[in-house]
Amino acid sequence: MPIDVDEALGAPPSVREIAWTSRDVLLYHLSLGAGRGADPELSYTYERGLRVLPTFALVAGQGVSAGERRPAALHLPGMHIDLRRILHAGQGLTAHRPLPASGAATVTSRVAHIWDKGKAAVIVLEQSAAAPDGAPLWTTTMQIWARGEGGFGGDPGPETPWAAPERAPDHVLDTPTGARQALLYRLNGDLNPLHADPEFARTAGFDRPILHGLASYGIVAKALVDGVLGGDVTRLTGLSVRFTGTLLPGETIRTTVWREGDRLVLTSTCPERDGAPVLTHATAEVGG
């Protein structure tokens, strides 16, 4: 059905309570590949001394502690869109404080923008989370590309020019993924069959199931923490990316990083496919 832009943008924010435990955090880290090599990476994979990647915020309250759910469509005010018609186009995160290994939060969500791209619409969702004492935990911005939902005469959105620095990178980080990685990542709560069902993937235009965009996002965040920030998860305070291309489970993510003060500029590509882009327009904010 067409998007009702006025209803979507005019709807009051939704508010929900979430909670998570160390089991959710451990599963999230394992789904990003933690502990797969010779090093068990106990700070990611063992509850004693567990440190939490800030990108866990994107799945908090959705994993093993939240029970089973199987979405068939995107349900938001003024829209009902089949999952075959949407792709995760971009993601931003600001972590306001380190995340605890277990906790609770109040999450407030709203449709912030709907941009008309002609053949598609870009739906921008904003979420903010606060701890029980009211302290802000994180803020996220998600961009969803909805095929066939554009052409309604709306604002096309801002131009976002971006280019990598014209100098040698400071770091090049290669992270292999596993053949079953999408199946494991689904257990964080995103049960979209695009990432598991070959027939569903073909009807959506892919040869086989693809890795979640947020899995690539988390894998890159972990690579930055481990390869650039000395293993200190609290130093990564923000990450913004555009999902430019897909990654198949079993392929490698190569992340090229340039330091610019308290900011990292990066791109992620797939070396098995001649450097095909995976993440672009990407920056990370670094504290400490």
C-alpha atoms as a PDB file:
ATOM      1  CA  MET A   1       0.000   0.000   0.000  1.00  0.00           C
ATOM      2  CA  PRO A   2       1.239   3.565  -0.601  1.00  0.00           C
ATOM      3  CA  ILE A   3       2.889   5.370   2.273  1.00  0.00           C
ATOM      4  CA  ASP A   4       0.647   7.895   4.034  1.00  0.00           C
ATOM      5  CA  VAL A   5       3.364  10.488   4.630  1.00  0.00           C
ATOM      6  CA  ASP A   6       1.242  12.787   6.790  1.00  0.00           C
ATOM      7  CA  GLU A   7       0.163   9.944   9.058  1.00  0.00           C
ATOM      8  CA  ALA A   8       3.688   8.559   9.341  1.00  0.00           C
ATOM      9  CA  LEU A   9       5.328  11.883  10.185  1.00  0.00           C
ATOM     10  CA  GLY A  10       2.478  13.105  12.372  1.00  0.00           C
ATOM     11  CA  ALA A  11       2.206  10.023  14.550  1.00  0.00           C
ATOM     12  CA  PRO A  12       3.275  10.429  18.182  1.00  0.00           C
ATOM     13  CA  PRO A  13       6.500   8.668  19.158  1.00  0.00           C
ATOM     14  CA  SER A  14       6.162   5.091  20.345  1.00  0.00           C
ATOM     15  CA  VAL A  15       7.621   4.186  23.718  1.00  0.00           C
ATOM     16  CA  ARG A  16       8.581   0.709  24.895  1.00  0.00           C
ATOM     17  CA  GLU A  17      10.498  -0.840  27.745  1.00  0.00           C
ATOM     18  CA  ILE A  18      13.330  -3.244  26.966  1.00  0.00           C
ATOM     19  CA  ALA A  19      15.737  -5.343  28.991  1.00  0.00           C
ATOM     20  CA  TRP A  20      18.722  -7.534  28.223  1.00  0.00           C
ATOM     21  CA  THR A  21      21.074  -9.898  29.997  1.00  0.00           C
ATOM     22  CA  SER A  22      24.674 -10.979  29.516  1.00  0.00           C
ATOM     23  CA  ARG A  23      23.371 -13.937  27.437  1.00  0.00           C
ATOM     24  CA  ASP A  24      22.110 -11.476  24.819  1.00  0.00           C
ATOM     25  CA  VAL A  25      25.471  -9.699  24.747  1.00  0.00           C
ATOM     26  CA  LEU A  26      27.413 -12.962  24.483  1.00  0.00           C
ATOM     27  CA  LEU A  27      25.220 -14.141  21.597  1.00  0.00           C
ATOM     28  CA  TYR A  28      25.659 -10.802  19.825  1.00  0.00           C
ATOM     29  CA  HIS A  29      29.437 -10.952  20.076  1.00  0.00           C
ATOM     30  CA  LEU A  30      29.525 -14.589  18.921  1.00  0.00           C
ATOM     31  CA  SER A  31      27.314 -13.688  15.945  1.00  0.00           C
ATOM     32  CA  LEU A  32      29.959 -11.135  14.910  1.00  0.00           C
ATOM     33  CA  GLY A  33      32.665 -13.811  14.950  1.00  0.00           C
ATOM     34  CA  ALA A  34      34.143 -13.249  18.408  1.00  0.00           C
ATOM     35  CA  GLY A  35      36.152 -16.226  19.667  1.00  0.00           C
ATOM     36  CA  ARG A  36      36.171 -18.014  16.320  1.00  0.00           C
ATOM     37  CA  GLY A  37      39.960 -18.091  15.989  1.00  0.00           C
ATOM     38  CA  ALA A  38      42.716 -19.382  18.251  1.00  0.00           C
ATOM     39  CA  ASP A  39      42.081 -16.552  20.730  1.00  0.00           C
ATOM     40  CA  PRO A  40      38.826 -17.184  22.653  1.00  0.00           C
ATOM     41  CA  GLU A  41      38.502 -13.414  23.206  1.00  0.00           C
ATOM     42  CA  LEU A  42      37.093 -13.951  26.682  1.00  0.00           C
ATOM     43  CA  SER A  43      36.375 -10.249  27.205  1.00  0.00           C
ATOM     44  CA  TYR A  44      33.730 -10.661  24.474  1.00  0.00           C
ATOM     45  CA  THR A  45      32.716 -14.294  25.036  1.00  0.00           C
ATOM     46  CA  TYR A  46      32.780 -14.907  28.808  1.00  0.00           C
ATOM     47  CA  GLU A  47      30.455 -13.268  31.314  1.00  0.00           C
ATOM     48  CA  ARG A  48      33.247 -12.564  33.819  1.00  0.00           C
ATOM     49  CA  GLY A  49      34.712  -9.198  32.852  1.00  0.00           C
ATOM     50  CA  LEU A  50      32.383  -8.930  29.844  1.00  0.00           C
ATOM     51  CA  ARG A  51      32.767  -5.725  27.849  1.00  0.00           C
ATOM     52  CA  VAL A  52      29.973  -4.633  25.519  1.00  0.00           C
ATOM     53  CA  LEU A  53      30.426  -3.364  21.980  1.00  0.00           C
ATOM     54  CA  PRO A  54      28.387  -0.163  21.658  1.00  0.00           C
ATOM     55  CA  THR A  55      26.698  -1.518  18.536  1.00  0.00           C
ATOM     56  CA  PHE A  56      24.873  -4.010  20.778  1.00  0.00           C
ATOM     57  CA  ALA A  57      22.435  -1.101  21.202  1.00  0.00           C
ATOM     58  CA  LEU A  58      20.993  -1.980  17.778  1.00  0.00           C
ATOM     59  CA  VAL A  59      19.752  -5.383  19.018  1.00  0.00           C
ATOM     60  CA  ALA A  60      19.207  -4.751  22.742  1.00  0.00           C
ATOM     61  CA  GLY A  61      15.848  -6.066  23.887  1.00  0.00           C
ATOM     62  CA  GLN A  62      15.362  -8.212  20.781  1.00  0.00           C
ATOM     63  CA  GLY A  63      17.444 -11.343  21.373  1.00  0.00           C
ATOM     64  CA  VAL A  64      17.158 -14.560  23.369  1.00  0.00           C
ATOM     65  CA  SER A  65      15.652 -12.799  26.382  1.00  0.00           C
ATOM     66  CA  ALA A  66      12.825 -11.294  24.326  1.00  0.00           C
ATOM     67  CA  GLY A  67      11.261 -14.515  22.982  1.00  0.00           C
ATOM     68  CA  GLU A  68      10.512 -15.530  19.398  1.00  0.00           C
ATOM     69  CA  ARG A  69       9.066 -13.302  16.691  1.00  0.00           C
ATOM     70  CA  ARG A  70       8.875 -13.648  12.922  1.00  0.00           C
ATOM     71  CA  PRO A  71       8.183 -10.410  11.027  1.00  0.00           C
ATOM     72  CA  ALA A  72       6.508 -10.580   7.624  1.00  0.00           C
ATOM     73  CA  ALA A  73       6.225  -6.867   6.943  1.00  0.00           C
ATOM     74  CA  LEU A  74       7.419  -3.482   8.128  1.00  0.00           C
ATOM     75  CA  HIS A  75       4.731  -2.035  10.405  1.00  0.00           C
ATOM     76  CA  LEU A  76       5.033   1.691  11.028  1.00  0.00           C
ATOM     77  CA  PRO A  77       2.442   4.475  11.228  1.00  0.00           C
ATOM     78  CA  GLY A  78       1.000   5.095   7.758  1.00  0.00           C
ATOM     79  CA  MET A  79       2.761   2.185   6.065  1.00  0.00           C
ATOM     80  CA  HIS A  80       2.706  -1.580   5.668  1.00  0.00           C
ATOM     81  CA  ILE A  81       5.549  -2.745   3.441  1.00  0.00           C
ATOM     82  CA  ASP A  82       6.492  -6.305   2.502  1.00  0.00           C
ATOM     83  CA  LEU A  83      10.000  -7.279   3.632  1.00  0.00           C
ATOM     84  CA  ARG A  84      10.893  -8.273   0.043  1.00  0.00           C
ATOM     85  CA  ARG A  85      10.637  -4.608  -0.912  1.00  0.00           C
ATOM     86  CA  ILE A  86      12.927  -3.103   1.714  1.00  0.00           C
ATOM     87  CA  LEU A  87      16.654  -2.889   2.334  1.00  0.00           C
ATOM     88  CA  HIS A  88      18.553  -1.394   5.229  1.00  0.00           C
ATOM     89  CA  ALA A  89      20.188   1.609   3.537  1.00  0.00           C
ATOM     90  CA  GLY A  90      22.093   3.305   6.334  1.00  0.00           C
ATOM     91  CA  GLN A  91      22.692   3.336  10.065  1.00  0.00           C
ATOM     92  CA  GLY A  92      23.975   5.784  12.632  1.00  0.00           C
ATOM     93  CA  LEU A  93      24.678   5.313  16.338  1.00  0.00           C
ATOM     94  CA  THR A  94      25.773   7.628  19.109  1.00  0.00           C
ATOM     95  CA  ALA A  95      26.641   5.931  22.408  1.00  0.00           C
ATOM     96  CA  HIS A  96      26.192   8.408  25.246  1.00  0.00           C
ATOM     97  CA  ARG A  97      27.776   6.124  27.865  1.00  0.00           C
ATOM     98  CA  PRO A  98      29.233   2.599  28.033  1.00  0.00           C
ATOM     99  CA  LEU A  99      26.552  -0.096  27.911  1.00  0.00           C
ATOM    100  CA  PRO A 100      26.178  -2.473  30.850  1.00  0.00           C
ATOM    101  CA  ALA A 101      26.293  -6.227  30.270  1.00  0.00           C
ATOM    102  CA  SER A 102      22.743  -6.461  31.612  1.00  0.00           C
ATOM    103  CA  GLY A 103      20.207  -3.709  32.046  1.00  0.00           C
ATOM    104  CA  ALA A 104      16.968  -2.051  31.035  1.00  0.00           C
ATOM    105  CA  ALA A 105      15.976   1.023  29.066  1.00  0.00           C
ATOM    106  CA  THR A 106      13.062   3.056  27.796  1.00  0.00           C
ATOM    107  CA  VAL A 107      13.221   3.366  24.012  1.00  0.00           C
ATOM    108  CA  THR A 108      11.411   6.170  22.181  1.00  0.00           C
ATOM    109  CA  SER A 109      10.954   5.788  18.396  1.00  0.00           C
ATOM    110  CA  ARG A 110       9.574   7.987  15.635  1.00  0.00           C
ATOM    111  CA  VAL A 111       9.546   8.344  11.858  1.00  0.00           C
ATOM    112  CA  ALA A 112      11.733  11.423  11.425  1.00  0.00           C
ATOM    113  CA  HIS A 113      11.744  11.784   7.613  1.00  0.00           C
ATOM    114  CA  ILE A 114      10.402  10.159   4.456  1.00  0.00           C
ATOM    115  CA  TRP A 115      12.406  11.053   1.357  1.00  0.00           C
ATOM    116  CA  ASP A 116      11.134  10.554  -2.173  1.00  0.00           C
ATOM    117  CA  LYS A 117      13.784   8.962  -4.385  1.00  0.00           C
ATOM    118  CA  GLY A 118      11.489   8.380  -7.364  1.00  0.00           C
ATOM    119  CA  LYS A 119      11.520   4.598  -7.654  1.00  0.00           C
ATOM    120  CA  ALA A 120      11.833   4.215  -3.893  1.00  0.00           C
ATOM    121  CA  ALA A 121      11.219   5.969  -0.611  1.00  0.00           C
ATOM    122  CA  VAL A 122      13.793   6.330   2.160  1.00  0.00           C
ATOM    123  CA  ILE A 123      12.227   6.070   5.599  1.00  0.00           C
ATOM    124  CA  VAL A 124      14.330   7.555   8.397  1.00  0.00           C
ATOM    125  CA  LEU A 125      13.659   6.139  11.864  1.00  0.00           C
ATOM    126  CA  GLU A 126      15.092   7.722  14.999  1.00  0.00           C
ATOM    127  CA  GLN A 127      15.344   6.013  18.365  1.00  0.00           C
ATOM    128  CA  SER A 128      16.635   7.173  21.717  1.00  0.00           C
ATOM    129  CA  ALA A 129      17.172   5.037  24.796  1.00  0.00           C
ATOM    130  CA  ALA A 130      17.374   6.093  28.435  1.00  0.00           C
ATOM    131  CA  ALA A 131      18.375   4.115  31.508  1.00  0.00           C
ATOM    132  CA  PRO A 132      15.897   3.674  34.395  1.00  0.00           C
ATOM    133  CA  ASP A 133      17.467   6.708  36.123  1.00  0.00           C
ATOM    134  CA  GLY A 134      16.759   8.816  33.013  1.00  0.00           C
ATOM    135  CA  ALA A 135      20.361   9.029  31.832  1.00  0.00           C
ATOM    136  CA  PRO A 136      20.671   8.805  28.034  1.00  0.00           C
ATOM    137  CA  LEU A 137      22.199   5.560  26.766  1.00  0.00           C
ATOM    138  CA  TRP A 138      22.161   5.784  22.972  1.00  0.00           C
ATOM    139  CA  THR A 139      20.600   7.471  19.956  1.00  0.00           C
ATOM    140  CA  THR A 140      20.217   5.746  16.583  1.00  0.00           C
ATOM    141  CA  THR A 141      19.166   6.736  13.086  1.00  0.00           C
ATOM    142  CA  MET A 142      18.126   4.047  10.592  1.00  0.00           C
ATOM    143  CA  GLN A 143      17.494   4.587   6.878  1.00  0.00           C
ATOM    144  CA  ILE A 144      15.222   2.065   5.129  1.00  0.00           C
ATOM    145  CA  TRP A 145      15.093   1.860   1.325  1.00  0.00           C
ATOM    146  CA  ALA A 146      11.550   0.873   0.291  1.00  0.00           C
ATOM    147  CA  ARG A 147      11.415  -0.127  -3.375  1.00  0.00           C
ATOM    148  CA  GLY A 148       8.389   0.984  -5.345  1.00  0.00           C
ATOM    149  CA  GLU A 149       7.224   3.393  -2.638  1.00  0.00           C
ATOM    150  CA  GLY A 150       8.570   6.641  -4.114  1.00  0.00           C
ATOM    151  CA  GLY A 151       7.125   8.993  -6.698  1.00  0.00           C
ATOM    152  CA  PHE A 152       4.748  10.770  -4.313  1.00  0.00           C
ATOM    153  CA  GLY A 153       6.200  14.232  -4.949  1.00  0.00           C
ATOM    154  CA  GLY A 154       8.055  14.539  -1.652  1.00  0.00           C
ATOM    155  CA  ASP A 155      11.414  15.993  -0.629  1.00  0.00           C
ATOM    156  CA  PRO A 156      14.274  13.893  -2.089  1.00  0.00           C
ATOM    157  CA  GLY A 157      16.377  14.518   1.012  1.00  0.00           C
ATOM    158  CA  PRO A 158      19.765  16.187   1.479  1.00  0.00           C
ATOM    159  CA  GLU A 159      22.755  15.616  -0.748  1.00  0.00           C
ATOM    160  CA  THR A 160      25.474  13.704   1.076  1.00  0.00           C
ATOM    161  CA  PRO A 161      28.750  14.039  -0.868  1.00  0.00           C
ATOM    162  CA  TRP A 162      31.558  11.919   0.516  1.00  0.00           C
ATOM    163  CA  ALA A 163      35.058  10.940  -0.528  1.00  0.00           C
ATOM    164  CA  ALA A 164      37.871   9.007   1.112  1.00  0.00           C
ATOM    165  CA  PRO A 165      41.033  11.003   1.933  1.00  0.00           C
ATOM    166  CA  GLU A 166      43.538  11.164  -0.894  1.00  0.00           C
ATOM    167  CA  ARG A 167      46.392   9.604   1.042  1.00  0.00           C
ATOM    168  CA  ALA A 168      47.507   6.203   2.192  1.00  0.00           C
ATOM    169  CA  PRO A 169      45.243   4.708   4.861  1.00  0.00           C
ATOM    170  CA  ASP A 170      46.378   4.361   8.452  1.00  0.00           C
ATOM    171  CA  HIS A 171      44.916   0.858   8.817  1.00  0.00           C
ATOM    172  CA  VAL A 172      43.604  -1.943   6.609  1.00  0.00           C
ATOM    173  CA  LEU A 173      41.624  -4.525   8.585  1.00  0.00           C
ATOM    174  CA  ASP A 174      40.498  -7.844   7.091  1.00  0.00           C
ATOM    175  CA  THR A 175      37.689  -9.732   8.839  1.00  0.00           C
ATOM    176  CA  PRO A 176      36.509 -13.089   7.460  1.00  0.00           C
ATOM    177  CA  THR A 177      32.881 -14.095   7.942  1.00  0.00           C
ATOM    178  CA  GLY A 178      31.552 -17.619   8.377  1.00  0.00           C
ATOM    179  CA  ALA A 179      29.239 -19.533   6.072  1.00  0.00           C
ATOM    180  CA  ARG A 180      26.652 -19.796   8.870  1.00  0.00           C
ATOM    181  CA  GLN A 181      27.101 -16.254  10.180  1.00  0.00           C
ATOM    182  CA  ALA A 182      23.732 -14.924   8.992  1.00  0.00           C
ATOM    183  CA  LEU A 183      21.949 -17.884  10.599  1.00  0.00           C
ATOM    184  CA  LEU A 184      23.617 -17.072  13.910  1.00  0.00           C
ATOM    185  CA  TYR A 185      23.107 -13.320  13.639  1.00  0.00           C
ATOM    186  CA  ARG A 186      19.343 -13.843  13.102  1.00  0.00           C
ATOM    187  CA  LEU A 187      19.080 -15.024  16.713  1.00  0.00           C
ATOM    188  CA  ASN A 188      19.660 -11.427  17.839  1.00  0.00           C
ATOM    189  CA  GLY A 189      16.047 -10.779  16.791  1.00  0.00           C
ATOM    190  CA  ASP A 190      16.014  -9.977  13.053  1.00  0.00           C
ATOM    191  CA  LEU A 191      14.321 -13.088  11.648  1.00  0.00           C
ATOM    192  CA  ASN A 192      13.844 -11.663   8.154  1.00  0.00           C
ATOM    193  CA  PRO A 193      13.900 -14.790   5.921  1.00  0.00           C
ATOM    194  CA  LEU A 194      16.090 -12.897   3.437  1.00  0.00           C
ATOM    195  CA  HIS A 195      19.016 -14.025   5.573  1.00  0.00           C
ATOM    196  CA  ALA A 196      18.108 -17.716   5.770  1.00  0.00           C
ATOM    197  CA  ASP A 197      15.639 -18.883   3.106  1.00  0.00           C
ATOM    198  CA  PRO A 198      17.159 -19.360  -0.395  1.00  0.00           C
ATOM    199  CA  GLU A 199      13.763 -19.209  -2.120  1.00  0.00           C
ATOM    200  CA  PHE A 200      12.794 -16.005  -0.308  1.00  0.00           C
ATOM    201  CA  ALA A 201      16.186 -14.496  -1.200  1.00  0.00           C
ATOM    202  CA  ARG A 202      15.659 -15.314  -4.897  1.00  0.00           C
ATOM    203  CA  THR A 203      12.232 -13.650  -4.909  1.00  0.00           C
ATOM    204  CA  ALA A 204      13.928 -10.575  -3.419  1.00  0.00           C
ATOM    205  CA  GLY A 205      16.490 -10.547  -6.262  1.00  0.00           C
ATOM    206  CA  PHE A 206      19.479 -12.274  -4.631  1.00  0.00           C
ATOM    207  CA  ASP A 207      21.165 -15.519  -5.636  1.00  0.00           C
ATOM    208  CA  ARG A 208      21.195 -16.737  -2.052  1.00  0.00           C
ATOM    209  CA  PRO A 209      20.667 -15.400   1.488  1.00  0.00           C
ATOM    210  CA  ILE A 210      22.769 -12.374   2.360  1.00  0.00           C
ATOM    211  CA  LEU A 211      24.349 -11.198   5.596  1.00  0.00           C
ATOM    212  CA  HIS A 212      22.416  -8.620   7.604  1.00  0.00           C
ATOM    213  CA  GLY A 213      23.593  -5.057   7.106  1.00  0.00           C
ATOM    214  CA  LEU A 214      23.764  -4.689  10.882  1.00  0.00           C
ATOM    215  CA  ALA A 215      25.958  -7.779  11.063  1.00  0.00           C
ATOM    216  CA  SER A 216      28.466  -6.091   8.714  1.00  0.00           C
ATOM    217  CA  TYR A 217      28.075  -2.944  10.818  1.00  0.00           C
ATOM    218  CA  GLY A 218      28.878  -4.774  14.043  1.00  0.00           C
ATOM    219  CA  ILE A 219      31.762  -6.707  12.468  1.00  0.00           C
ATOM    220  CA  VAL A 220      33.329  -3.434  11.329  1.00  0.00           C
ATOM    221  CA  ALA A 221      32.792  -1.869  14.772  1.00  0.00           C
ATOM    222  CA  LYS A 222      34.597  -4.792  16.411  1.00  0.00           C
ATOM    223  CA  ALA A 223      37.418  -4.541  13.860  1.00  0.00           C
ATOM    224  CA  LEU A 224      37.851  -0.843  14.717  1.00  0.00           C
ATOM    225  CA  VAL A 225      37.897  -1.518  18.453  1.00  0.00           C
ATOM    226  CA  ASP A 226      40.385  -4.375  18.134  1.00  0.00           C
ATOM    227  CA  GLY A 227      42.547  -3.032  15.329  1.00  0.00           C
ATOM    228  CA  VAL A 228      42.581   0.718  15.965  1.00  0.00           C
ATOM    229  CA  LEU A 229      41.344   1.476  19.513  1.00  0.00           C
ATOM    230  CA  GLY A 230      43.439  -0.978  21.503  1.00  0.00           C
ATOM    231  CA  GLY A 231      40.510  -3.199  22.408  1.00  0.00           C
ATOM    232  CA  ASP A 232      38.760  -0.465  24.430  1.00  0.00           C
ATOM    233  CA  VAL A 233      35.047  -0.660  23.548  1.00  0.00           C
ATOM    234  CA  THR A 234      34.322   2.584  25.419  1.00  0.00           C
ATOM    235  CA  ARG A 235      36.427   4.601  22.963  1.00  0.00           C
ATOM    236  CA  LEU A 236      34.037   3.946  20.061  1.00  0.00           C
ATOM    237  CA  THR A 237      31.290   6.496  20.705  1.00  0.00           C
ATOM    238  CA  GLY A 238      29.686   6.761  17.275  1.00  0.00           C
ATOM    239  CA  LEU A 239      29.449   4.983  13.931  1.00  0.00           C
ATOM    240  CA  SER A 240      27.593   6.137  10.833  1.00  0.00           C
ATOM    241  CA  VAL A 241      27.524   4.181   7.562  1.00  0.00           C
ATOM    242  CA  ARG A 242      25.700   3.726   4.305  1.00  0.00           C
ATOM    243  CA  PHE A 243      25.029   0.134   3.220  1.00  0.00           C
ATOM    244  CA  THR A 244      26.160   0.334  -0.387  1.00  0.00           C
ATOM    245  CA  GLY A 245      26.438  -3.343  -1.269  1.00  0.00           C
ATOM    246  CA  THR A 246      25.630  -6.762   0.077  1.00  0.00           C
ATOM    247  CA  LEU A 247      27.949  -9.292   1.661  1.00  0.00           C
ATOM    248  CA  LEU A 248      27.469 -13.042   1.394  1.00  0.00           C
ATOM    249  CA  PRO A 249      28.197 -15.238   4.410  1.00  0.00           C
ATOM    250  CA  GLY A 250      31.715 -16.638   4.044  1.00  0.00           C
ATOM    251  CA  GLU A 251      33.138 -13.551   2.334  1.00  0.00           C
ATOM    252  CA  THR A 252      35.654 -11.127   3.863  1.00  0.00           C
ATOM    253  CA  ILE A 253      35.085  -7.539   4.942  1.00  0.00           C
ATOM    254  CA  ARG A 254      38.142  -5.360   4.284  1.00  0.00           C
ATOM    255  CA  THR A 255      37.944  -2.086   6.213  1.00  0.00           C
ATOM    256  CA  THR A 256      40.268   0.737   5.198  1.00  0.00           C
ATOM    257  CA  VAL A 257      40.685   3.423   7.869  1.00  0.00           C
ATOM    258  CA  TRP A 258      42.009   6.984   7.913  1.00  0.00           C
ATOM    259  CA  ARG A 259      42.500   8.886  11.173  1.00  0.00           C
ATOM    260  CA  GLU A 260      41.292  12.495  11.259  1.00  0.00           C
ATOM    261  CA  GLY A 261      41.659  13.733  14.829  1.00  0.00           C
ATOM    262  CA  ASP A 262      38.904  12.264  16.994  1.00  0.00           C
ATOM    263  CA  ARG A 263      37.248  10.839  13.918  1.00  0.00           C
ATOM    264  CA  LEU A 264      37.881   7.832  11.712  1.00  0.00           C
ATOM    265  CA  VAL A 265      36.935   7.821   8.052  1.00  0.00           C
ATOM    266  CA  LEU A 266      36.483   4.364   6.590  1.00  0.00           C
ATOM    267  CA  THR A 267      35.261   2.226   3.755  1.00  0.00           C
ATOM    268  CA  SER A 268      34.513  -1.497   3.763  1.00  0.00           C
ATOM    269  CA  THR A 269      34.778  -3.681   0.674  1.00  0.00           C
ATOM    270  CA  CYS A 270      34.716  -7.344  -0.318  1.00  0.00           C
ATOM    271  CA  PRO A 271      38.140  -8.479  -1.614  1.00  0.00           C
ATOM    272  CA  GLU A 272      36.698 -11.725  -3.032  1.00  0.00           C
ATOM    273  CA  ARG A 273      34.643  -9.608  -5.433  1.00  0.00           C
ATOM    274  CA  ASP A 274      37.403  -7.262  -6.603  1.00  0.00           C
ATOM    275  CA  GLY A 275      36.784  -4.706  -3.870  1.00  0.00           C
ATOM    276  CA  ALA A 276      33.018  -4.396  -4.339  1.00  0.00           C
ATOM    277  CA  PRO A 277      31.750  -1.784  -1.839  1.00  0.00           C
ATOM    278  CA  VAL A 278      29.916  -2.932   1.276  1.00  0.00           C
ATOM    279  CA  LEU A 279      29.924   0.176   3.509  1.00  0.00           C
ATOM    280  CA  THR A 280      30.593   3.738   2.334  1.00  0.00           C
ATOM    281  CA  HIS A 281      29.975   7.270   3.639  1.00  0.00           C
ATOM    282  CA  ALA A 282      31.323   5.834   6.886  1.00  0.00           C
ATOM    283  CA  THR A 283      32.723   7.687   9.886  1.00  0.00           C
ATOM    284  CA  ALA A 284      33.405   6.694  13.481  1.00  0.00           C
ATOM    285  CA  GLU A 285      33.661   8.972  16.487  1.00  0.00           C
ATOM    286  CA  VAL A 286      36.394   8.174  18.974  1.00  0.00           C
ATOM    287  CA  GLY A 287      36.651   9.229  22.600  1.00  0.00           C
ATOM    288  CA  GLY A 288      39.378   8.936  25.185  1.00  0.00           C
END
